[in-house]
Amino acid sequence: SAQTTAELTVWFFDDYLPAWTAAALRDD
């Protein structure tokens, strides 16, 4: 559904990617 697509989008771009970048910068 559009809801699942929206959920995947938010999870990836608003949660995962910023967390990955922050972890890379602090080596975590």
PDB file of all heavy atoms in Angstrom:
ATOM      1  N   SER A   1       0.837  -1.198   0.000  1.00  0.00           N
ATOM      2  CA  SER A   1       0.000   0.000   0.000  1.00  0.00           C
ATOM      3  C   SER A   1       0.865   1.239   0.000  1.00  0.00           C
ATOM      4  O   SER A   1       2.065   1.190   0.270  1.00  0.00           O
ATOM      5  CB  SER A   1      -0.886   0.008   1.248  1.00  0.00           C
ATOM      6  OG  SER A   1      -0.076   0.160   2.399  1.00  0.00           O
ATOM      7  N   ALA A   2       0.220   2.361  -0.261  1.00  0.00           N
ATOM      8  CA  ALA A   2       0.905   3.644  -0.166  1.00  0.00           C
ATOM      9  C   ALA A   2       1.401   3.861   1.260  1.00  0.00           C
ATOM     10  O   ALA A   2       2.455   4.465   1.470  1.00  0.00           O
ATOM     11  CB  ALA A   2      -0.034   4.766  -0.589  1.00  0.00           C
ATOM     12  N   GLN A   3       0.676   3.335   2.240  1.00  0.00           N
ATOM     13  CA  GLN A   3       1.091   3.466   3.635  1.00  0.00           C
ATOM     14  C   GLN A   3       2.411   2.732   3.878  1.00  0.00           C
ATOM     15  O   GLN A   3       3.290   3.244   4.564  1.00  0.00           O
ATOM     16  CB  GLN A   3       0.012   2.925   4.571  1.00  0.00           C
ATOM     17  CG  GLN A   3       0.390   3.020   6.032  1.00  0.00           C
ATOM     18  CD  GLN A   3      -0.695   2.466   6.950  1.00  0.00           C
ATOM     19  OE1 GLN A   3      -1.816   2.230   6.531  1.00  0.00           O
ATOM     20  NE2 GLN A   3      -0.336   2.264   8.195  1.00  0.00           N
ATOM     21  N   THR A   4       2.572   1.529   3.315  1.00  0.00           N
ATOM     22  CA  THR A   4       3.813   0.779   3.472  1.00  0.00           C
ATOM     23  C   THR A   4       4.968   1.512   2.789  1.00  0.00           C
ATOM     24  O   THR A   4       6.062   1.616   3.341  1.00  0.00           O
ATOM     25  CB  THR A   4       3.676  -0.645   2.895  1.00  0.00           C
ATOM     26  OG1 THR A   4       2.578  -1.286   3.533  1.00  0.00           O
ATOM     27  CG2 THR A   4       4.938  -1.453   3.120  1.00  0.00           C
ATOM     28  N   THR A   5       4.721   2.038   1.598  1.00  0.00           N
ATOM     29  CA  THR A   5       5.752   2.808   0.902  1.00  0.00           C
ATOM     30  C   THR A   5       6.165   4.020   1.727  1.00  0.00           C
ATOM     31  O   THR A   5       7.359   4.303   1.882  1.00  0.00           O
ATOM     32  CB  THR A   5       5.255   3.251  -0.491  1.00  0.00           C
ATOM     33  OG1 THR A   5       4.946   2.087  -1.252  1.00  0.00           O
ATOM     34  CG2 THR A   5       6.303   4.073  -1.223  1.00  0.00           C
ATOM     35  N   ALA A   6       5.204   4.718   2.284  1.00  0.00           N
ATOM     36  CA  ALA A   6       5.496   5.886   3.112  1.00  0.00           C
ATOM     37  C   ALA A   6       6.292   5.480   4.352  1.00  0.00           C
ATOM     38  O   ALA A   6       7.253   6.168   4.740  1.00  0.00           O
ATOM     39  CB  ALA A   6       4.206   6.590   3.512  1.00  0.00           C
ATOM     40  N   GLU A   7       5.918   4.367   4.966  1.00  0.00           N
ATOM     41  CA  GLU A   7       6.627   3.896   6.154  1.00  0.00           C
ATOM     42  C   GLU A   7       8.077   3.543   5.829  1.00  0.00           C
ATOM     43  O   GLU A   7       8.998   3.906   6.571  1.00  0.00           O
ATOM     44  CB  GLU A   7       5.905   2.680   6.742  1.00  0.00           C
ATOM     45  CG  GLU A   7       6.506   2.193   8.029  1.00  0.00           C
ATOM     46  CD  GLU A   7       5.772   0.988   8.595  1.00  0.00           C
ATOM     47  OE1 GLU A   7       4.861   0.447   7.939  1.00  0.00           O
ATOM     48  OE2 GLU A   7       6.147   0.572   9.706  1.00  0.00           O
ATOM     49  N   LEU A   8       8.297   2.840   4.714  1.00  0.00           N
ATOM     50  CA  LEU A   8       9.658   2.506   4.292  1.00  0.00           C
ATOM     51  C   LEU A   8      10.469   3.770   4.016  1.00  0.00           C
ATOM     52  O   LEU A   8      11.646   3.861   4.382  1.00  0.00           O
ATOM     53  CB  LEU A   8       9.634   1.633   3.040  1.00  0.00           C
ATOM     54  CG  LEU A   8       9.142   0.204   3.203  1.00  0.00           C
ATOM     55  CD1 LEU A   8       8.868  -0.425   1.836  1.00  0.00           C
ATOM     56  CD2 LEU A   8      10.139  -0.619   3.994  1.00  0.00           C
ATOM     57  N   THR A   9       9.841   4.737   3.379  1.00  0.00           N
ATOM     58  CA  THR A   9      10.523   5.989   3.044  1.00  0.00           C
ATOM     59  C   THR A   9      10.951   6.734   4.295  1.00  0.00           C
ATOM     60  O   THR A   9      12.104   7.174   4.416  1.00  0.00           O
ATOM     61  CB  THR A   9       9.601   6.870   2.170  1.00  0.00           C
ATOM     62  OG1 THR A   9       9.270   6.148   0.986  1.00  0.00           O
ATOM     63  CG2 THR A   9      10.277   8.184   1.801  1.00  0.00           C
ATOM     64  N   VAL A  10      10.045   6.878   5.250  1.00  0.00           N
ATOM     65  CA  VAL A  10      10.368   7.564   6.502  1.00  0.00           C
ATOM     66  C   VAL A  10      11.447   6.802   7.255  1.00  0.00           C
ATOM     67  O   VAL A  10      12.420   7.392   7.743  1.00  0.00           O
ATOM     68  CB  VAL A  10       9.102   7.752   7.373  1.00  0.00           C
ATOM     69  CG1 VAL A  10       9.452   8.175   8.791  1.00  0.00           C
ATOM     70  CG2 VAL A  10       8.170   8.763   6.719  1.00  0.00           C
ATOM     71  N   TRP A  11      11.300   5.477   7.374  1.00  0.00           N
ATOM     72  CA  TRP A  11      12.297   4.670   8.085  1.00  0.00           C
ATOM     73  C   TRP A  11      13.677   4.846   7.476  1.00  0.00           C
ATOM     74  O   TRP A  11      14.654   5.058   8.195  1.00  0.00           O
ATOM     75  CB  TRP A  11      11.889   3.188   8.056  1.00  0.00           C
ATOM     76  CG  TRP A  11      12.902   2.285   8.687  1.00  0.00           C
ATOM     77  CD1 TRP A  11      13.025   2.005  10.027  1.00  0.00           C
ATOM     78  CD2 TRP A  11      13.936   1.546   8.034  1.00  0.00           C
ATOM     79  NE1 TRP A  11      14.082   1.133  10.232  1.00  0.00           N
ATOM     80  CE2 TRP A  11      14.655   0.842   9.027  1.00  0.00           C
ATOM     81  CE3 TRP A  11      14.332   1.410   6.707  1.00  0.00           C
ATOM     82  CZ2 TRP A  11      15.736   0.027   8.735  1.00  0.00           C
ATOM     83  CZ3 TRP A  11      15.407   0.589   6.417  1.00  0.00           C
ATOM     84  CH2 TRP A  11      16.100  -0.094   7.417  1.00  0.00           C
ATOM     85  N   PHE A  12      13.755   4.790   6.176  1.00  0.00           N
ATOM     86  CA  PHE A  12      15.062   4.836   5.526  1.00  0.00           C
ATOM     87  C   PHE A  12      15.672   6.231   5.547  1.00  0.00           C
ATOM     88  O   PHE A  12      16.813   6.409   5.974  1.00  0.00           O
ATOM     89  CB  PHE A  12      14.971   4.336   4.076  1.00  0.00           C
ATOM     90  CG  PHE A  12      16.321   4.145   3.461  1.00  0.00           C
ATOM     91  CD1 PHE A  12      17.000   2.948   3.607  1.00  0.00           C
ATOM     92  CD2 PHE A  12      16.928   5.167   2.754  1.00  0.00           C
ATOM     93  CE1 PHE A  12      18.259   2.766   3.063  1.00  0.00           C
ATOM     94  CE2 PHE A  12      18.189   4.999   2.194  1.00  0.00           C
ATOM     95  CZ  PHE A  12      18.858   3.796   2.357  1.00  0.00           C
ATOM     96  N   PHE A  13      14.934   7.229   5.087  1.00  0.00           N
ATOM     97  CA  PHE A  13      15.519   8.552   4.885  1.00  0.00           C
ATOM     98  C   PHE A  13      15.495   9.440   6.125  1.00  0.00           C
ATOM     99  O   PHE A  13      16.362  10.300   6.275  1.00  0.00           O
ATOM    100  CB  PHE A  13      14.843   9.257   3.703  1.00  0.00           C
ATOM    101  CG  PHE A  13      15.119   8.554   2.411  1.00  0.00           C
ATOM    102  CD1 PHE A  13      14.155   7.759   1.821  1.00  0.00           C
ATOM    103  CD2 PHE A  13      16.354   8.659   1.787  1.00  0.00           C
ATOM    104  CE1 PHE A  13      14.412   7.084   0.630  1.00  0.00           C
ATOM    105  CE2 PHE A  13      16.624   7.989   0.605  1.00  0.00           C
ATOM    106  CZ  PHE A  13      15.647   7.202   0.027  1.00  0.00           C
ATOM    107  N   ASP A  14      14.524   9.249   7.016  1.00  0.00           N
ATOM    108  CA  ASP A  14      14.438  10.092   8.205  1.00  0.00           C
ATOM    109  C   ASP A  14      15.039   9.444   9.446  1.00  0.00           C
ATOM    110  O   ASP A  14      15.317  10.138  10.422  1.00  0.00           O
ATOM    111  CB  ASP A  14      12.982  10.457   8.500  1.00  0.00           C
ATOM    112  CG  ASP A  14      12.351  11.304   7.417  1.00  0.00           C
ATOM    113  OD1 ASP A  14      13.094  11.832   6.553  1.00  0.00           O
ATOM    114  OD2 ASP A  14      11.113  11.421   7.398  1.00  0.00           O
ATOM    115  N   ASP A  15      15.224   8.132   9.426  1.00  0.00           N
ATOM    116  CA  ASP A  15      15.736   7.424  10.592  1.00  0.00           C
ATOM    117  C   ASP A  15      17.086   6.770  10.283  1.00  0.00           C
ATOM    118  O   ASP A  15      18.115   7.159  10.826  1.00  0.00           O
ATOM    119  CB  ASP A  15      14.701   6.390  11.043  1.00  0.00           C
ATOM    120  CG  ASP A  15      15.011   5.791  12.403  1.00  0.00           C
ATOM    121  OD1 ASP A  15      15.931   6.255  13.093  1.00  0.00           O
ATOM    122  OD2 ASP A  15      14.321   4.819  12.770  1.00  0.00           O
ATOM    123  N   TYR A  16      17.086   5.783   9.396  1.00  0.00           N
ATOM    124  CA  TYR A  16      18.302   5.012   9.125  1.00  0.00           C
ATOM    125  C   TYR A  16      19.459   5.855   8.598  1.00  0.00           C
ATOM    126  O   TYR A  16      20.563   5.823   9.145  1.00  0.00           O
ATOM    127  CB  TYR A  16      18.001   3.872   8.143  1.00  0.00           C
ATOM    128  CG  TYR A  16      19.236   3.232   7.566  1.00  0.00           C
ATOM    129  CD1 TYR A  16      20.023   2.387   8.341  1.00  0.00           C
ATOM    130  CD2 TYR A  16      19.630   3.490   6.259  1.00  0.00           C
ATOM    131  CE1 TYR A  16      21.166   1.817   7.825  1.00  0.00           C
ATOM    132  CE2 TYR A  16      20.768   2.918   5.731  1.00  0.00           C
ATOM    133  CZ  TYR A  16      21.543   2.083   6.517  1.00  0.00           C
ATOM    134  OH  TYR A  16      22.680   1.521   6.013  1.00  0.00           O
ATOM    135  N   LEU A  17      19.249   6.596   7.530  1.00  0.00           N
ATOM    136  CA  LEU A  17      20.352   7.331   6.914  1.00  0.00           C
ATOM    137  C   LEU A  17      20.983   8.356   7.862  1.00  0.00           C
ATOM    138  O   LEU A  17      22.213   8.398   7.979  1.00  0.00           O
ATOM    139  CB  LEU A  17      19.918   7.971   5.598  1.00  0.00           C
ATOM    140  CG  LEU A  17      21.032   8.589   4.760  1.00  0.00           C
ATOM    141  CD1 LEU A  17      22.151   7.574   4.460  1.00  0.00           C
ATOM    142  CD2 LEU A  17      20.468   9.135   3.460  1.00  0.00           C
ATOM    143  N   PRO A  18      20.204   9.176   8.583  1.00  0.00           N
ATOM    144  CA  PRO A  18      20.841  10.080   9.550  1.00  0.00           C
ATOM    145  C   PRO A  18      21.576   9.331  10.670  1.00  0.00           C
ATOM    146  O   PRO A  18      22.652   9.759  11.109  1.00  0.00           O
ATOM    147  CB  PRO A  18      19.676  10.896  10.122  1.00  0.00           C
ATOM    148  CG  PRO A  18      18.621  10.818   9.084  1.00  0.00           C
ATOM    149  CD  PRO A  18      18.766   9.464   8.442  1.00  0.00           C
ATOM    150  N   ALA A  19      21.024   8.197  11.121  1.00  0.00           N
ATOM    151  CA  ALA A  19      21.694   7.409  12.161  1.00  0.00           C
ATOM    152  C   ALA A  19      23.011   6.836  11.634  1.00  0.00           C
ATOM    153  O   ALA A  19      24.017   6.815  12.343  1.00  0.00           O
ATOM    154  CB  ALA A  19      20.777   6.294  12.659  1.00  0.00           C
ATOM    155  N   TRP A  20      23.008   6.363  10.394  1.00  0.00           N
ATOM    156  CA  TRP A  20      24.221   5.809   9.780  1.00  0.00           C
ATOM    157  C   TRP A  20      25.295   6.887   9.677  1.00  0.00           C
ATOM    158  O   TRP A  20      26.448   6.668  10.045  1.00  0.00           O
ATOM    159  CB  TRP A  20      23.904   5.245   8.391  1.00  0.00           C
ATOM    160  CG  TRP A  20      24.976   4.379   7.842  1.00  0.00           C
ATOM    161  CD1 TRP A  20      25.010   3.021   7.880  1.00  0.00           C
ATOM    162  CD2 TRP A  20      26.169   4.791   7.156  1.00  0.00           C
ATOM    163  NE1 TRP A  20      26.162   2.571   7.270  1.00  0.00           N
ATOM    164  CE2 TRP A  20      26.884   3.634   6.824  1.00  0.00           C
ATOM    165  CE3 TRP A  20      26.691   6.022   6.814  1.00  0.00           C
ATOM    166  CZ2 TRP A  20      28.103   3.670   6.161  1.00  0.00           C
ATOM    167  CZ3 TRP A  20      27.908   6.075   6.150  1.00  0.00           C
ATOM    168  CH2 TRP A  20      28.598   4.907   5.827  1.00  0.00           C
ATOM    169  N   THR A  21      24.918   8.065   9.209  1.00  0.00           N
ATOM    170  CA  THR A  21      25.888   9.163   9.074  1.00  0.00           C
ATOM    171  C   THR A  21      26.461   9.551  10.428  1.00  0.00           C
ATOM    172  O   THR A  21      27.679   9.709  10.574  1.00  0.00           O
ATOM    173  CB  THR A  21      25.224  10.375   8.395  1.00  0.00           C
ATOM    174  OG1 THR A  21      24.786   9.977   7.094  1.00  0.00           O
ATOM    175  CG2 THR A  21      26.191  11.536   8.275  1.00  0.00           C
ATOM    176  N   ALA A  22      25.612   9.714  11.424  1.00  0.00           N
ATOM    177  CA  ALA A  22      26.081  10.074  12.766  1.00  0.00           C
ATOM    178  C   ALA A  22      27.015   9.008  13.325  1.00  0.00           C
ATOM    179  O   ALA A  22      28.048   9.324  13.926  1.00  0.00           O
ATOM    180  CB  ALA A  22      24.893  10.283  13.706  1.00  0.00           C
ATOM    181  N   ALA A  23      26.671   7.740  13.122  1.00  0.00           N
ATOM    182  CA  ALA A  23      27.516   6.650  13.616  1.00  0.00           C
ATOM    183  C   ALA A  23      28.859   6.629  12.889  1.00  0.00           C
ATOM    184  O   ALA A  23      29.906   6.366  13.502  1.00  0.00           O
ATOM    185  CB  ALA A  23      26.801   5.312  13.454  1.00  0.00           C
ATOM    186  N   ALA A  24      28.857   6.905  11.595  1.00  0.00           N
ATOM    187  CA  ALA A  24      30.117   6.932  10.834  1.00  0.00           C
ATOM    188  C   ALA A  24      31.029   8.038  11.357  1.00  0.00           C
ATOM    189  O   ALA A  24      32.246   7.847  11.471  1.00  0.00           O
ATOM    190  CB  ALA A  24      29.842   7.129   9.343  1.00  0.00           C
ATOM    191  N   LEU A  25      30.464   9.165  11.692  1.00  0.00           N
ATOM    192  CA  LEU A  25      31.266  10.295  12.162  1.00  0.00           C
ATOM    193  C   LEU A  25      31.850  10.056  13.553  1.00  0.00           C
ATOM    194  O   LEU A  25      32.914  10.575  13.873  1.00  0.00           O
ATOM    195  CB  LEU A  25      30.436  11.578  12.146  1.00  0.00           C
ATOM    196  CG  LEU A  25      30.047  12.060  10.752  1.00  0.00           C
ATOM    197  CD1 LEU A  25      29.061  13.217  10.840  1.00  0.00           C
ATOM    198  CD2 LEU A  25      31.283  12.457   9.944  1.00  0.00           C
ATOM    199  N   ARG A  26      31.182   9.247  14.371  1.00  0.00           N
ATOM    200  CA  ARG A  26      31.702   8.988  15.727  1.00  0.00           C
ATOM    201  C   ARG A  26      32.265   7.574  15.866  1.00  0.00           C
ATOM    202  O   ARG A  26      32.602   7.162  16.973  1.00  0.00           O
ATOM    203  CB  ARG A  26      30.650   9.283  16.773  1.00  0.00           C
ATOM    204  CG  ARG A  26      29.485   8.354  16.816  1.00  0.00           C
ATOM    205  CD  ARG A  26      28.508   8.704  17.932  1.00  0.00           C
ATOM    206  NE  ARG A  26      27.449   7.749  17.990  1.00  0.00           N
ATOM    207  CZ  ARG A  26      26.321   7.813  17.287  1.00  0.00           C
ATOM    208  NH1 ARG A  26      26.105   8.826  16.486  1.00  0.00           N
ATOM    209  NH2 ARG A  26      25.416   6.872  17.387  1.00  0.00           N
ATOM    210  N   ASP A  27      32.341   6.826  14.750  1.00  0.00           N
ATOM    211  CA  ASP A  27      32.897   5.476  14.732  1.00  0.00           C
ATOM    212  C   ASP A  27      32.168   4.560  15.715  1.00  0.00           C
ATOM    213  O   ASP A  27      32.759   3.997  16.622  1.00  0.00           O
ATOM    214  CB  ASP A  27      34.397   5.492  15.022  1.00  0.00           C
ATOM    215  CG  ASP A  27      35.039   4.130  14.756  1.00  0.00           C
ATOM    216  OD1 ASP A  27      34.468   3.326  13.999  1.00  0.00           O
ATOM    217  OD2 ASP A  27      36.114   3.862  15.323  1.00  0.00           O
ATOM    218  N   ASP A  28      30.876   4.403  15.497  1.00  0.00           N
ATOM    219  CA  ASP A  28      30.035   3.602  16.385  1.00  0.00           C
ATOM    220  C   ASP A  28      29.241   2.574  15.580  1.00  0.00           C
ATOM    221  O   ASP A  28      28.060   2.784  15.297  1.00  0.00           O
ATOM    222  CB  ASP A  28      29.082   4.513  17.153  1.00  0.00           C
ATOM    223  CG  ASP A  28      28.142   3.728  18.056  1.00  0.00           C
ATOM    224  OD1 ASP A  28      28.422   2.560  18.371  1.00  0.00           O
ATOM    225  OD2 ASP A  28      27.103   4.306  18.425  1.00  0.00           O
TER     226      ASP A  28
END
